[in-house]
PDB file of N, CA and C in Angstrom:
ATOM      1  N   MET A   1      86.804-154.922  88.265  1.00  0.00           N
ATOM      2  CA  MET A   1      85.788-154.756  89.290  1.00  0.00           C
ATOM      3  C   MET A   1      85.911-153.396  89.963  1.00  0.00           C
ATOM      4  N   MET A   2      87.113-152.853  90.101  1.00  0.00           N
ATOM      5  CA  MET A   2      87.297-151.599  90.824  1.00  0.00           C
ATOM      6  C   MET A   2      86.567-150.437  90.159  1.00  0.00           C
ATOM      7  N   LEU A   3      86.682-150.292  88.864  1.00  0.00           N
ATOM      8  CA  LEU A   3      86.063-149.157  88.186  1.00  0.00           C
ATOM      9  C   LEU A   3      84.533-149.202  88.275  1.00  0.00           C
ATOM     10  N   PRO A   4      83.882-150.342  88.026  1.00  0.00           N
ATOM     11  CA  PRO A   4      82.417-150.369  88.199  1.00  0.00           C
ATOM     12  C   PRO A   4      81.993-150.052  89.638  1.00  0.00           C
ATOM     13  N   PHE A   5      82.754-150.562  90.593  1.00  0.00           N
ATOM     14  CA  PHE A   5      82.423-150.301  91.990  1.00  0.00           C
ATOM     15  C   PHE A   5      82.562-148.811  92.312  1.00  0.00           C
ATOM     16  N   LEU A   6      83.657-148.193  91.879  1.00  0.00           N
ATOM     17  CA  LEU A   6      83.854-146.760  92.117  1.00  0.00           C
ATOM     18  C   LEU A   6      82.765-145.935  91.450  1.00  0.00           C
ATOM     19  N   LYS A   7      82.359-146.318  90.254  1.00  0.00           N
ATOM     20  CA  LYS A   7      81.272-145.594  89.572  1.00  0.00           C
ATOM     21  C   LYS A   7      79.973-145.726  90.367  1.00  0.00           C
ATOM     22  N   HIS A   8      79.732-146.917  90.874  1.00  0.00           N
ATOM     23  CA  HIS A   8      78.512-147.139  91.666  1.00  0.00           C
ATOM     24  C   HIS A   8      78.536-146.307  92.951  1.00  0.00           C
ATOM     25  N   VAL A   9      79.656-146.307  93.642  1.00  0.00           N
ATOM     26  CA  VAL A   9      79.769-145.594  94.911  1.00  0.00           C
ATOM     27  C   VAL A   9      79.664-144.084  94.713  1.00  0.00           C
ATOM     28  N   THR A  10      80.208-143.562  93.643  1.00  0.00           N
ATOM     29  CA  THR A  10      80.214-142.111  93.426  1.00  0.00           C
ATOM     30  C   THR A  10      79.010-141.627  92.623  1.00  0.00           C
ATOM     31  N   ASP A  11      78.085-142.495  92.298  1.00  0.00           N
ATOM     32  CA  ASP A  11      76.893-142.100  91.540  1.00  0.00           C
ATOM     33  C   ASP A  11      76.045-141.145  92.380  1.00  0.00           C
ATOM     34  N   LYS A  12      75.719-139.989  91.837  1.00  0.00           N
ATOM     35  CA  LYS A  12      74.976-138.967  92.578  1.00  0.00           C
ATOM     36  C   LYS A  12      73.509-139.345  92.803  1.00  0.00           C
ATOM     37  N   SER A  13      73.008-140.351  92.105  1.00  0.00           N
ATOM     38  CA  SER A  13      71.603-140.732  92.287  1.00  0.00           C
ATOM     39  C   SER A  13      71.360-141.475  93.604  1.00  0.00           C
ATOM     40  N   HIS A  14      72.408-141.979  94.205  1.00  0.00           N
ATOM     41  CA  HIS A  14      72.279-142.619  95.523  1.00  0.00           C
ATOM     42  C   HIS A  14      73.557-142.355  96.306  1.00  0.00           C
ATOM     43  N   LYS A  15      73.489-141.318  97.129  1.00  0.00           N
ATOM     44  CA  LYS A  15      74.660-140.887  97.893  1.00  0.00           C
ATOM     45  C   LYS A  15      74.926-141.836  99.045  1.00  0.00           C
ATOM     46  N   TRP A  16      76.185-142.022  99.330  1.00  0.00           N
ATOM     47  CA  TRP A  16      76.614-142.849 100.446  1.00  0.00           C
ATOM     48  C   TRP A  16      77.140-141.953 101.548  1.00  0.00           C
ATOM     49  N   HIS A  17      76.937-142.363 102.785  1.00  0.00           N
ATOM     50  CA  HIS A  17      77.482-141.641 103.936  1.00  0.00           C
ATOM     51  C   HIS A  17      78.329-142.618 104.741  1.00  0.00           C
ATOM     52  N   CYS A  18      79.318-142.110 105.395  1.00  0.00           N
ATOM     53  CA  CYS A  18      80.201-142.939 106.204  1.00  0.00           C
ATOM     54  C   CYS A  18      80.269-142.364 107.612  1.00  0.00           C
ATOM     55  N   CYS A  19      80.154-143.218 108.623  1.00  0.00           N
ATOM     56  CA  CYS A  19      80.209-142.769 110.012  1.00  0.00           C
ATOM     57  C   CYS A  19      81.349-143.480 110.719  1.00  0.00           C
ATOM     58  N   PHE A  20      82.140-142.721 111.464  1.00  0.00           N
ATOM     59  CA  PHE A  20      83.244-143.278 112.251  1.00  0.00           C
ATOM     60  C   PHE A  20      82.979-142.987 113.723  1.00  0.00           C
ATOM     61  N   GLY A  21      83.435-143.887 114.582  1.00  0.00           N
ATOM     62  CA  GLY A  21      83.319-143.636 116.014  1.00  0.00           C
ATOM     63  C   GLY A  21      82.141-144.349 116.627  1.00  0.00           C
ATOM     64  N   VAL A  22      81.884-144.014 117.877  1.00  0.00           N
ATOM     65  CA  VAL A  22      80.828-144.653 118.650  1.00  0.00           C
ATOM     66  C   VAL A  22      79.636-143.699 118.719  1.00  0.00           C
ATOM     67  N   PRO A  23      78.475-144.118 118.229  1.00  0.00           N
ATOM     68  CA  PRO A  23      77.317-143.229 118.291  1.00  0.00           C
ATOM     69  C   PRO A  23      76.797-143.058 119.715  1.00  0.00           C
ATOM     70  N   CYS A  24      76.243-141.936 119.986  1.00  0.00           N
ATOM     71  CA  CYS A  24      75.576-141.654 121.264  1.00  0.00           C
ATOM     72  C   CYS A  24      76.514-141.715 122.470  1.00  0.00           C
ATOM     73  N   ALA A  25      77.803-141.632 122.268  1.00  0.00           N
ATOM     74  CA  ALA A  25      78.784-141.628 123.359  1.00  0.00           C
ATOM     75  C   ALA A  25      78.632-142.846 124.270  1.00  0.00           C
ATOM     76  N   THR A  26      78.324-144.001 123.705  1.00  0.00           N
ATOM     77  CA  THR A  26      78.125-145.201 124.516  1.00  0.00           C
ATOM     78  C   THR A  26      79.408-145.649 125.203  1.00  0.00           C
ATOM     79  N   HIS A  27      80.557-145.208 124.700  1.00  0.00           N
ATOM     80  CA  HIS A  27      81.819-145.576 125.351  1.00  0.00           C
ATOM     81  C   HIS A  27      81.900-145.005 126.764  1.00  0.00           C
ATOM     82  N   ILE A  28      81.159-143.924 127.020  1.00  0.00           N
ATOM     83  CA  ILE A  28      81.168-143.302 128.344  1.00  0.00           C
ATOM     84  C   ILE A  28      80.458-144.200 129.357  1.00  0.00           C
ATOM     85  N   TRP A  29      79.518-144.987 128.899  1.00  0.00           N
ATOM     86  CA  TRP A  29      78.686-145.777 129.798  1.00  0.00           C
ATOM     87  C   TRP A  29      79.291-147.120 130.166  1.00  0.00           C
ATOM     88  N   GLN A  30      80.448-147.452 129.656  1.00  0.00           N
ATOM     89  CA  GLN A  30      81.040-148.753 129.943  1.00  0.00           C
ATOM     90  C   GLN A  30      81.433-148.871 131.410  1.00  0.00           C
ATOM     91  N   VAL A  31      81.126-149.995 131.980  1.00  0.00           N
ATOM     92  CA  VAL A  31      81.513-150.270 133.358  1.00  0.00           C
ATOM     93  C   VAL A  31      82.665-151.267 133.377  1.00  0.00           C
ATOM     94  N   GLY A  32      82.786-152.077 132.319  1.00  0.00           N
ATOM     95  CA  GLY A  32      83.795-153.122 132.265  1.00  0.00           C
ATOM     96  C   GLY A  32      85.220-152.609 132.219  1.00  0.00           C
ATOM     97  N   ASP A  33      85.407-151.306 132.023  1.00  0.00           N
ATOM     98  CA  ASP A  33      86.773-150.787 131.992  1.00  0.00           C
ATOM     99  C   ASP A  33      87.235-150.313 133.368  1.00  0.00           C
ATOM    100  N   ALA A  34      86.455-150.582 134.404  1.00  0.00           N
ATOM    101  CA  ALA A  34      86.859-150.223 135.760  1.00  0.00           C
ATOM    102  C   ALA A  34      88.122-151.005 136.115  1.00  0.00           C
ATOM    103  N   SER A  35      89.093-150.327 136.679  1.00  0.00           N
ATOM    104  CA  SER A  35      90.394-150.964 136.937  1.00  0.00           C
ATOM    105  C   SER A  35      90.280-152.147 137.893  1.00  0.00           C
ATOM    106  N   ALA A  36      89.402-152.072 138.879  1.00  0.00           N
ATOM    107  CA  ALA A  36      89.249-153.185 139.827  1.00  0.00           C
ATOM    108  C   ALA A  36      88.713-154.430 139.121  1.00  0.00           C
ATOM    109  N   ILE A  37      87.766-154.240 138.205  1.00  0.00           N
ATOM    110  CA  ILE A  37      87.192-155.383 137.483  1.00  0.00           C
ATOM    111  C   ILE A  37      88.229-155.968 136.531  1.00  0.00           C
ATOM    112  N   ASN A  38      88.961-155.101 135.827  1.00  0.00           N
ATOM    113  CA  ASN A  38      90.014-155.589 134.931  1.00  0.00           C
ATOM    114  C   ASN A  38      91.100-156.321 135.707  1.00  0.00           C
ATOM    115  N   GLY A  39      91.473-155.778 136.858  1.00  0.00           N
ATOM    116  CA  GLY A  39      92.478-156.430 137.689  1.00  0.00           C
ATOM    117  C   GLY A  39      92.016-157.791 138.168  1.00  0.00           C
ATOM    118  N   ALA A  40      90.755-157.878 138.572  1.00  0.00           N
ATOM    119  CA  ALA A  40      90.197-159.163 139.021  1.00  0.00           C
ATOM    120  C   ALA A  40      90.206-160.176 137.879  1.00  0.00           C
ATOM    121  N   PHE A  41      89.921-159.711 136.667  1.00  0.00           N
ATOM    122  CA  PHE A  41      89.937-160.621 135.518  1.00  0.00           C
ATOM    123  C   PHE A  41      91.343-161.168 135.277  1.00  0.00           C
ATOM    124  N   LYS A  42      92.339-160.283 135.316  1.00  0.00           N
ATOM    125  CA  LYS A  42      93.722-160.722 135.086  1.00  0.00           C
ATOM    126  C   LYS A  42      94.166-161.733 136.147  1.00  0.00           C
ATOM    127  N   ILE A  43      93.827-161.463 137.391  1.00  0.00           N
ATOM    128  CA  ILE A  43      94.198-162.376 138.480  1.00  0.00           C
ATOM    129  C   ILE A  43      93.523-163.731 138.304  1.00  0.00           C
ATOM    130  N   ASN A  44      92.215-163.706 138.026  1.00  0.00           N
ATOM    131  CA  ASN A  44      91.480-164.963 137.888  1.00  0.00           C
ATOM    132  C   ASN A  44      91.847-165.709 136.616  1.00  0.00           C
ATOM    133  N   LEU A  45      92.237-164.995 135.573  1.00  0.00           N
ATOM    134  CA  LEU A  45      92.705-165.661 134.359  1.00  0.00           C
ATOM    135  C   LEU A  45      94.033-166.372 134.635  1.00  0.00           C
ATOM    136  N   MET A  46      94.901-165.731 135.395  1.00  0.00           N
ATOM    137  CA  MET A  46      96.178-166.358 135.755  1.00  0.00           C
ATOM    138  C   MET A  46      95.940-167.605 136.614  1.00  0.00           C
ATOM    139  N   LYS A  47      94.998-167.522 137.555  1.00  0.00           N
ATOM    140  CA  LYS A  47      94.668-168.690 138.375  1.00  0.00           C
ATOM    141  C   LYS A  47      94.123-169.829 137.504  1.00  0.00           C
ATOM    142  N   ALA A  48      93.274-169.483 136.542  1.00  0.00           N
ATOM    143  CA  ALA A  48      92.711-170.496 135.641  1.00  0.00           C
ATOM    144  C   ALA A  48      93.808-171.129 134.794  1.00  0.00           C
ATOM    145  N   LYS A  49      94.784-170.333 134.354  1.00  0.00           N
ATOM    146  CA  LYS A  49      95.907-170.872 133.575  1.00  0.00           C
ATOM    147  C   LYS A  49      96.722-171.855 134.415  1.00  0.00           C
ATOM    148  N   ARG A  50      96.991-171.483 135.656  1.00  0.00           N
ATOM    149  CA  ARG A  50      97.758-172.378 136.547  1.00  0.00           C
ATOM    150  C   ARG A  50      97.020-173.701 136.756  1.00  0.00           C
ATOM    151  N   GLU A  51      95.709-173.602 136.984  1.00  0.00           N
ATOM    152  CA  GLU A  51      94.894-174.804 137.186  1.00  0.00           C
ATOM    153  C   GLU A  51      94.897-175.672 135.924  1.00  0.00           C
ATOM    154  N   TYR A  52      94.813-175.016 134.765  1.00  0.00           N
ATOM    155  CA  TYR A  52      94.816-175.710 133.478  1.00  0.00           C
ATOM    156  C   TYR A  52      96.135-176.461 133.270  1.00  0.00           C
ATOM    157  N   ILE A  53      97.251-175.809 133.606  1.00  0.00           N
ATOM    158  CA  ILE A  53      98.574-176.423 133.459  1.00  0.00           C
ATOM    159  C   ILE A  53      98.726-177.602 134.420  1.00  0.00           C
ATOM    160  N   LYS A  54      98.221-177.461 135.644  1.00  0.00           N
ATOM    161  CA  LYS A  54      98.309-178.565 136.621  1.00  0.00           C
ATOM    162  C   LYS A  54      97.551-179.792 136.110  1.00  0.00           C
ATOM    163  N   LYS A  55      96.379-179.573 135.524  1.00  0.00           N
ATOM    164  CA  LYS A  55      95.578-180.694 135.027  1.00  0.00           C
ATOM    165  C   LYS A  55      96.203-181.336 133.798  1.00  0.00           C
ATOM    166  N   ARG A  56      96.769-180.523 132.916  1.00  0.00           N
ATOM    167  CA  ARG A  56      97.368-181.052 131.682  1.00  0.00           C
ATOM    168  C   ARG A  56      98.760-181.616 131.915  1.00  0.00           C
ATOM    169  N   GLY A  57      99.492-181.025 132.846  1.00  0.00           N
ATOM    170  CA  GLY A  57     100.840-181.471 133.105  1.00  0.00           C
ATOM    171  C   GLY A  57     101.877-180.875 132.159  1.00  0.00           C
ATOM    172  N   VAL A  58     101.426-180.231 131.103  1.00  0.00           N
ATOM    173  CA  VAL A  58     102.328-179.624 130.109  1.00  0.00           C
ATOM    174  C   VAL A  58     101.914-178.169 129.922  1.00  0.00           C
ATOM    175  N   PRO A  59     102.853-177.230 130.047  1.00  0.00           N
ATOM    176  CA  PRO A  59     102.481-175.816 129.857  1.00  0.00           C
ATOM    177  C   PRO A  59     102.326-175.464 128.381  1.00  0.00           C
ATOM    178  N   ARG A  60     101.304-176.052 127.781  1.00  0.00           N
ATOM    179  CA  ARG A  60     101.051-175.817 126.357  1.00  0.00           C
ATOM    180  C   ARG A  60      99.584-175.448 126.179  1.00  0.00           C
ATOM    181  N   PHE A  61      99.357-174.325 125.482  1.00  0.00           N
ATOM    182  CA  PHE A  61      97.986-173.852 125.285  1.00  0.00           C
ATOM    183  C   PHE A  61      97.590-174.012 123.825  1.00  0.00           C
ATOM    184  N   GLU A  62      96.412-174.517 123.616  1.00  0.00           N
ATOM    185  CA  GLU A  62      95.829-174.620 122.281  1.00  0.00           C
ATOM    186  C   GLU A  62      94.873-173.447 122.088  1.00  0.00           C
ATOM    187  N   PRO A  63      94.607-173.059 120.837  1.00  0.00           N
ATOM    188  CA  PRO A  63      93.660-171.951 120.612  1.00  0.00           C
ATOM    189  C   PRO A  63      92.287-172.194 121.237  1.00  0.00           C
ATOM    190  N   THR A  64      91.855-173.436 121.268  1.00  0.00           N
ATOM    191  CA  THR A  64      90.540-173.731 121.858  1.00  0.00           C
ATOM    192  C   THR A  64      90.570-173.698 123.379  1.00  0.00           C
ATOM    193  N   GLY A  65      91.749-173.648 123.974  1.00  0.00           N
ATOM    194  CA  GLY A  65      91.859-173.626 125.425  1.00  0.00           C
ATOM    195  C   GLY A  65      91.473-172.306 126.053  1.00  0.00           C
ATOM    196  N   ILE A  66      91.340-171.246 125.259  1.00  0.00           N
ATOM    197  CA  ILE A  66      91.012-169.928 125.816  1.00  0.00           C
ATOM    198  C   ILE A  66      89.579-169.894 126.352  1.00  0.00           C
ATOM    199  N   VAL A  67      88.676-170.625 125.724  1.00  0.00           N
ATOM    200  CA  VAL A  67      87.269-170.572 126.136  1.00  0.00           C
ATOM    201  C   VAL A  67      87.085-171.064 127.573  1.00  0.00           C
ATOM    202  N   PRO A  68      87.622-172.216 127.952  1.00  0.00           N
ATOM    203  CA  PRO A  68      87.470-172.627 129.356  1.00  0.00           C
ATOM    204  C   PRO A  68      88.145-171.677 130.340  1.00  0.00           C
ATOM    205  N   LEU A  69      89.271-171.074 129.909  1.00  0.00           N
ATOM    206  CA  LEU A  69      89.964-170.141 130.801  1.00  0.00           C
ATOM    207  C   LEU A  69      89.114-168.899 131.055  1.00  0.00           C
ATOM    208  N   VAL A  70      88.536-168.359 129.988  1.00  0.00           N
ATOM    209  CA  VAL A  70      87.677-167.176 130.143  1.00  0.00           C
ATOM    210  C   VAL A  70      86.422-167.538 130.923  1.00  0.00           C
ATOM    211  N   ASN A  71      85.890-168.732 130.691  1.00  0.00           N
ATOM    212  CA  ASN A  71      84.705-169.171 131.443  1.00  0.00           C
ATOM    213  C   ASN A  71      84.965-169.236 132.941  1.00  0.00           C
ATOM    214  N   LYS A  72      86.203-169.518 133.328  1.00  0.00           N
ATOM    215  CA  LYS A  72      86.561-169.541 134.752  1.00  0.00           C
ATOM    216  C   LYS A  72      86.730-168.131 135.304  1.00  0.00           C
ATOM    217  N   ALA A  73      87.385-167.247 134.527  1.00  0.00           N
ATOM    218  CA  ALA A  73      87.748-165.927 135.024  1.00  0.00           C
ATOM    219  C   ALA A  73      86.615-164.906 134.928  1.00  0.00           C
ATOM    220  N   PHE A  74      85.761-165.019 133.926  1.00  0.00           N
ATOM    221  CA  PHE A  74      84.734-164.001 133.692  1.00  0.00           C
ATOM    222  C   PHE A  74      83.751-163.834 134.848  1.00  0.00           C
ATOM    223  N   PRO A  75      83.148-164.919 135.361  1.00  0.00           N
ATOM    224  CA  PRO A  75      82.157-164.726 136.433  1.00  0.00           C
ATOM    225  C   PRO A  75      82.736-164.082 137.693  1.00  0.00           C
ATOM    226  N   LEU A  76      84.015-164.292 137.927  1.00  0.00           N
ATOM    227  CA  LEU A  76      84.649-163.745 139.123  1.00  0.00           C
ATOM    228  C   LEU A  76      85.110-162.304 138.947  1.00  0.00           C
ATOM    229  N   SER A  77      84.975-161.758 137.736  1.00  0.00           N
ATOM    230  CA  SER A  77      85.418-160.380 137.477  1.00  0.00           C
ATOM    231  C   SER A  77      84.287-159.576 136.841  1.00  0.00           C
ATOM    232  N   PHE A  78      84.141-159.661 135.531  1.00  0.00           N
ATOM    233  CA  PHE A  78      83.107-158.892 134.838  1.00  0.00           C
ATOM    234  C   PHE A  78      81.703-159.355 135.207  1.00  0.00           C
ATOM    235  N   GLY A  79      81.562-160.618 135.571  1.00  0.00           N
ATOM    236  CA  GLY A  79      80.262-161.150 135.961  1.00  0.00           C
ATOM    237  C   GLY A  79      79.928-160.957 137.425  1.00  0.00           C
ATOM    238  N   ASN A  80      80.802-160.305 138.170  1.00  0.00           N
ATOM    239  CA  ASN A  80      80.588-160.086 139.597  1.00  0.00           C
ATOM    240  C   ASN A  80      79.693-158.858 139.789  1.00  0.00           C
ATOM    241  N   GLN A  81      78.467-159.095 140.164  1.00  0.00           N
ATOM    242  CA  GLN A  81      77.491-158.016 140.302  1.00  0.00           C
ATOM    243  C   GLN A  81      77.912-156.992 141.358  1.00  0.00           C
ATOM    244  N   LYS A  82      78.477-157.455 142.444  1.00  0.00           N
ATOM    245  CA  LYS A  82      78.885-156.550 143.521  1.00  0.00           C
ATOM    246  C   LYS A  82      79.958-155.571 143.025  1.00  0.00           C
ATOM    247  N   SER A  83      80.935-156.067 142.254  1.00  0.00           N
ATOM    248  CA  SER A  83      81.985-155.196 141.715  1.00  0.00           C
ATOM    249  C   SER A  83      81.421-154.205 140.699  1.00  0.00           C
ATOM    250  N   ALA A  84      80.482-154.664 139.881  1.00  0.00           N
ATOM    251  CA  ALA A  84      79.878-153.781 138.880  1.00  0.00           C
ATOM    252  C   ALA A  84      79.077-152.663 139.553  1.00  0.00           C
ATOM    253  N   ILE A  85      78.329-153.006 140.591  1.00  0.00           N
ATOM    254  CA  ILE A  85      77.550-151.990 141.320  1.00  0.00           C
ATOM    255  C   ILE A  85      78.493-150.975 141.963  1.00  0.00           C
ATOM    256  N   LYS A  86      79.605-151.463 142.498  1.00  0.00           N
ATOM    257  CA  LYS A  86      80.587-150.559 143.110  1.00  0.00           C
ATOM    258  C   LYS A  86      81.174-149.613 142.060  1.00  0.00           C
ATOM    259  N   ALA A  87      81.489-150.144 140.860  1.00  0.00           N
ATOM    260  CA  ALA A  87      82.034-149.309 139.789  1.00  0.00           C
ATOM    261  C   ALA A  87      81.009-148.279 139.317  1.00  0.00           C
ATOM    262  N   ILE A  88      79.753-148.693 139.242  1.00  0.00           N
ATOM    263  CA  ILE A  88      78.684-147.769 138.838  1.00  0.00           C
ATOM    264  C   ILE A  88      78.520-146.666 139.880  1.00  0.00           C
ATOM    265  N   ALA A  89      78.542-147.030 141.154  1.00  0.00           N
ATOM    266  CA  ALA A  89      78.405-146.042 142.224  1.00  0.00           C
ATOM    267  C   ALA A  89      79.603-145.088 142.235  1.00  0.00           C
ATOM    268  N   HIS A  90      80.801-145.637 141.985  1.00  0.00           N
ATOM    269  CA  HIS A  90      82.012-144.805 141.961  1.00  0.00           C
ATOM    270  C   HIS A  90      81.933-143.742 140.865  1.00  0.00           C
ATOM    271  N   ARG A  91      81.265-144.069 139.777  1.00  0.00           N
ATOM    272  CA  ARG A  91      81.116-143.110 138.680  1.00  0.00           C
ATOM    273  C   ARG A  91      79.964-142.139 138.908  1.00  0.00           C
ATOM    274  N   GLY A  92      79.221-142.342 139.975  1.00  0.00           N
ATOM    275  CA  GLY A  92      78.131-141.428 140.299  1.00  0.00           C
ATOM    276  C   GLY A  92      76.845-141.709 139.557  1.00  0.00           C
ATOM    277  N   TRP A  93      76.686-142.920 139.034  1.00  0.00           N
ATOM    278  CA  TRP A  93      75.485-143.242 138.271  1.00  0.00           C
ATOM    279  C   TRP A  93      74.425-143.930 139.111  1.00  0.00           C
ATOM    280  N   ASN A  94      74.736-144.252 140.349  1.00  0.00           N
ATOM    281  CA  ASN A  94      73.774-144.959 141.173  1.00  0.00           C
ATOM    282  C   ASN A  94      73.674-144.248 142.507  1.00  0.00           C
ATOM    283  N   PRO A  95      72.535-143.846 142.974  1.00  0.00           N
ATOM    284  CA  PRO A  95      71.228-144.148 142.406  1.00  0.00           C
ATOM    285  C   PRO A  95      71.047-143.471 141.045  1.00  0.00           C
ATOM    286  N   SER A  96      70.121-144.018 140.270  1.00  0.00           N
ATOM    287  CA  SER A  96      69.886-143.486 138.929  1.00  0.00           C
ATOM    288  C   SER A  96      69.578-141.999 139.002  1.00  0.00           C
ATOM    289  N   ASN A  97      70.359-141.237 138.277  1.00  0.00           N
ATOM    290  CA  ASN A  97      70.170-139.799 138.247  1.00  0.00           C
ATOM    291  C   ASN A  97      70.664-139.264 136.911  1.00  0.00           C
ATOM    292  N   PHE A  98      70.786-137.977 136.784  1.00  0.00           N
ATOM    293  CA  PHE A  98      71.216-137.377 135.529  1.00  0.00           C
ATOM    294  C   PHE A  98      72.720-137.142 135.480  1.00  0.00           C
ATOM    295  N   ASN A  99      73.481-137.693 136.396  1.00  0.00           N
ATOM    296  CA  ASN A  99      74.917-137.468 136.436  1.00  0.00           C
ATOM    297  C   ASN A  99      75.608-137.911 135.150  1.00  0.00           C
ATOM    298  N   LEU A 100      75.155-139.006 134.570  1.00  0.00           N
ATOM    299  CA  LEU A 100      75.749-139.491 133.333  1.00  0.00           C
ATOM    300  C   LEU A 100      75.627-138.451 132.220  1.00  0.00           C
ATOM    301  N   LEU A 101      74.532-137.739 132.213  1.00  0.00           N
ATOM    302  CA  LEU A 101      74.315-136.745 131.161  1.00  0.00           C
ATOM    303  C   LEU A 101      75.237-135.536 131.293  1.00  0.00           C
ATOM    304  N   THR A 102      75.844-135.356 132.458  1.00  0.00           N
ATOM    305  CA  THR A 102      76.734-134.201 132.639  1.00  0.00           C
ATOM    306  C   THR A 102      78.103-134.428 132.027  1.00  0.00           C
ATOM    307  N   ILE A 103      78.426-135.661 131.654  1.00  0.00           N
ATOM    308  CA  ILE A 103      79.748-135.912 131.094  1.00  0.00           C
ATOM    309  C   ILE A 103      79.716-136.213 129.608  1.00  0.00           C
ATOM    310  N   LEU A 104      78.587-135.963 128.970  1.00  0.00           N
ATOM    311  CA  LEU A 104      78.524-136.136 127.524  1.00  0.00           C
ATOM    312  C   LEU A 104      79.404-135.087 126.859  1.00  0.00           C
ATOM    313  N   PRO A 105      79.972-135.395 125.698  1.00  0.00           N
ATOM    314  CA  PRO A 105      80.858-134.437 125.042  1.00  0.00           C
ATOM    315  C   PRO A 105      80.127-133.164 124.623  1.00  0.00           C
ATOM    316  N   ASP A 106      80.868-132.068 124.589  1.00  0.00           N
ATOM    317  CA  ASP A 106      80.302-130.802 124.132  1.00  0.00           C
ATOM    318  C   ASP A 106      80.013-130.879 122.641  1.00  0.00           C
ATOM    319  N   LYS A 107      79.066-130.060 122.204  1.00  0.00           N
ATOM    320  CA  LYS A 107      78.726-130.044 120.785  1.00  0.00           C
ATOM    321  C   LYS A 107      79.929-129.671 119.929  1.00  0.00           C
ATOM    322  N   LYS A 108      80.819-128.839 120.465  1.00  0.00           N
ATOM    323  CA  LYS A 108      81.978-128.421 119.679  1.00  0.00           C
ATOM    324  C   LYS A 108      82.940-129.576 119.435  1.00  0.00           C
ATOM    325  N   ASP A 109      82.878-130.636 120.255  1.00  0.00           N
ATOM    326  CA  ASP A 109      83.763-131.786 120.096  1.00  0.00           C
ATOM    327  C   ASP A 109      83.167-132.880 119.221  1.00  0.00           C
ATOM    328  N   VAL A 110      81.912-132.745 118.836  1.00  0.00           N
ATOM    329  CA  VAL A 110      81.225-133.769 118.064  1.00  0.00           C
ATOM    330  C   VAL A 110      81.021-133.257 116.643  1.00  0.00           C
ATOM    331  N   VAL A 111      81.364-134.083 115.689  1.00  0.00           N
ATOM    332  CA  VAL A 111      81.165-133.728 114.280  1.00  0.00           C
ATOM    333  C   VAL A 111      79.975-134.515 113.773  1.00  0.00           C
ATOM    334  N   ASP A 112      78.926-133.801 113.390  1.00  0.00           N
ATOM    335  CA  ASP A 112      77.723-134.437 112.870  1.00  0.00           C
ATOM    336  C   ASP A 112      77.821-134.480 111.351  1.00  0.00           C
ATOM    337  N   LEU A 113      77.954-135.677 110.821  1.00  0.00           N
ATOM    338  CA  LEU A 113      78.077-135.834 109.379  1.00  0.00           C
ATOM    339  C   LEU A 113      76.747-136.160 108.709  1.00  0.00           C
ATOM    340  N   THR A 114      75.679-136.247 109.482  1.00  0.00           N
ATOM    341  CA  THR A 114      74.410-136.654 108.887  1.00  0.00           C
ATOM    342  C   THR A 114      73.822-135.585 107.981  1.00  0.00           C
ATOM    343  N   ASN A 115      74.087-134.312 108.254  1.00  0.00           N
ATOM    344  CA  ASN A 115      73.537-133.235 107.429  1.00  0.00           C
ATOM    345  C   ASN A 115      74.569-132.598 106.501  1.00  0.00           C
ATOM    346  N   ALA A 116      75.805-133.041 106.609  1.00  0.00           N
ATOM    347  CA  ALA A 116      76.866-132.470 105.785  1.00  0.00           C
ATOM    348  C   ALA A 116      76.788-133.030 104.372  1.00  0.00           C
ATOM    349  N   PRO A 117      77.059-132.191 103.376  1.00  0.00           N
ATOM    350  CA  PRO A 117      77.066-132.732 102.010  1.00  0.00           C
ATOM    351  C   PRO A 117      78.251-133.680 101.854  1.00  0.00           C
ATOM    352  N   PRO A 118      78.063-134.773 101.126  1.00  0.00           N
ATOM    353  CA  PRO A 118      79.167-135.716 100.957  1.00  0.00           C
ATOM    354  C   PRO A 118      80.295-135.091 100.150  1.00  0.00           C
ATOM    355  N   PRO A 119      81.518-135.438 100.458  1.00  0.00           N
ATOM    356  CA  PRO A 119      82.633-134.876  99.695  1.00  0.00           C
ATOM    357  C   PRO A 119      82.613-135.395  98.278  1.00  0.00           C
ATOM    358  N   SER A 120      83.030-134.568  97.382  1.00  0.00           N
ATOM    359  CA  SER A 120      83.048-135.000  95.980  1.00  0.00           C
ATOM    360  C   SER A 120      84.307-135.829  95.752  1.00  0.00           C
ATOM    361  N   LEU A 121      84.100-136.969  95.123  1.00  0.00           N
ATOM    362  CA  LEU A 121      85.216-137.876  94.839  1.00  0.00           C
ATOM    363  C   LEU A 121      85.602-137.741  93.378  1.00  0.00           C
ATOM    364  N   PRO A 122      86.874-137.725  93.088  1.00  0.00           N
ATOM    365  CA  PRO A 122      87.279-137.636  91.682  1.00  0.00           C
ATOM    366  C   PRO A 122      86.919-138.913  90.940  1.00  0.00           C
ATOM    367  N   MET A 123      86.443-138.778  89.762  1.00  0.00           N
ATOM    368  CA  MET A 123      86.107-139.924  88.915  1.00  0.00           C
ATOM    369  C   MET A 123      87.397-140.452  88.295  1.00  0.00           C
ATOM    370  N   VAL A 124      87.534-141.755  88.322  1.00  0.00           N
ATOM    371  CA  VAL A 124      88.733-142.374  87.764  1.00  0.00           C
ATOM    372  C   VAL A 124      88.440-142.891  86.381  1.00  0.00           C
TER     373      VAL A 124
END
């Protein structure tokens, strides 16, 4: 299977392109990585774990037990609109303005592979 696949991938009649990374610098726009929100999640997850152990009586976690724990902790942290608005304001994005556009990466730091010729692969 490997040789037919390699021949197909390296066929010049239909070139393949590969993209790595996050397009459009969307990682810059994340609000969920604010330390206050992450801290609130950790605290509320610990509280949910304690409550879970009290109800079960045994400090034993099953893989399916994570869903109820996250359901308890998420609304009080990442789902907290007031904290998200504060994080957005702290980053200078609110009121809506062009501040976000000032922190986009420079062209010299971005590699555009869409117009680059594909590297030639040795035929096996």
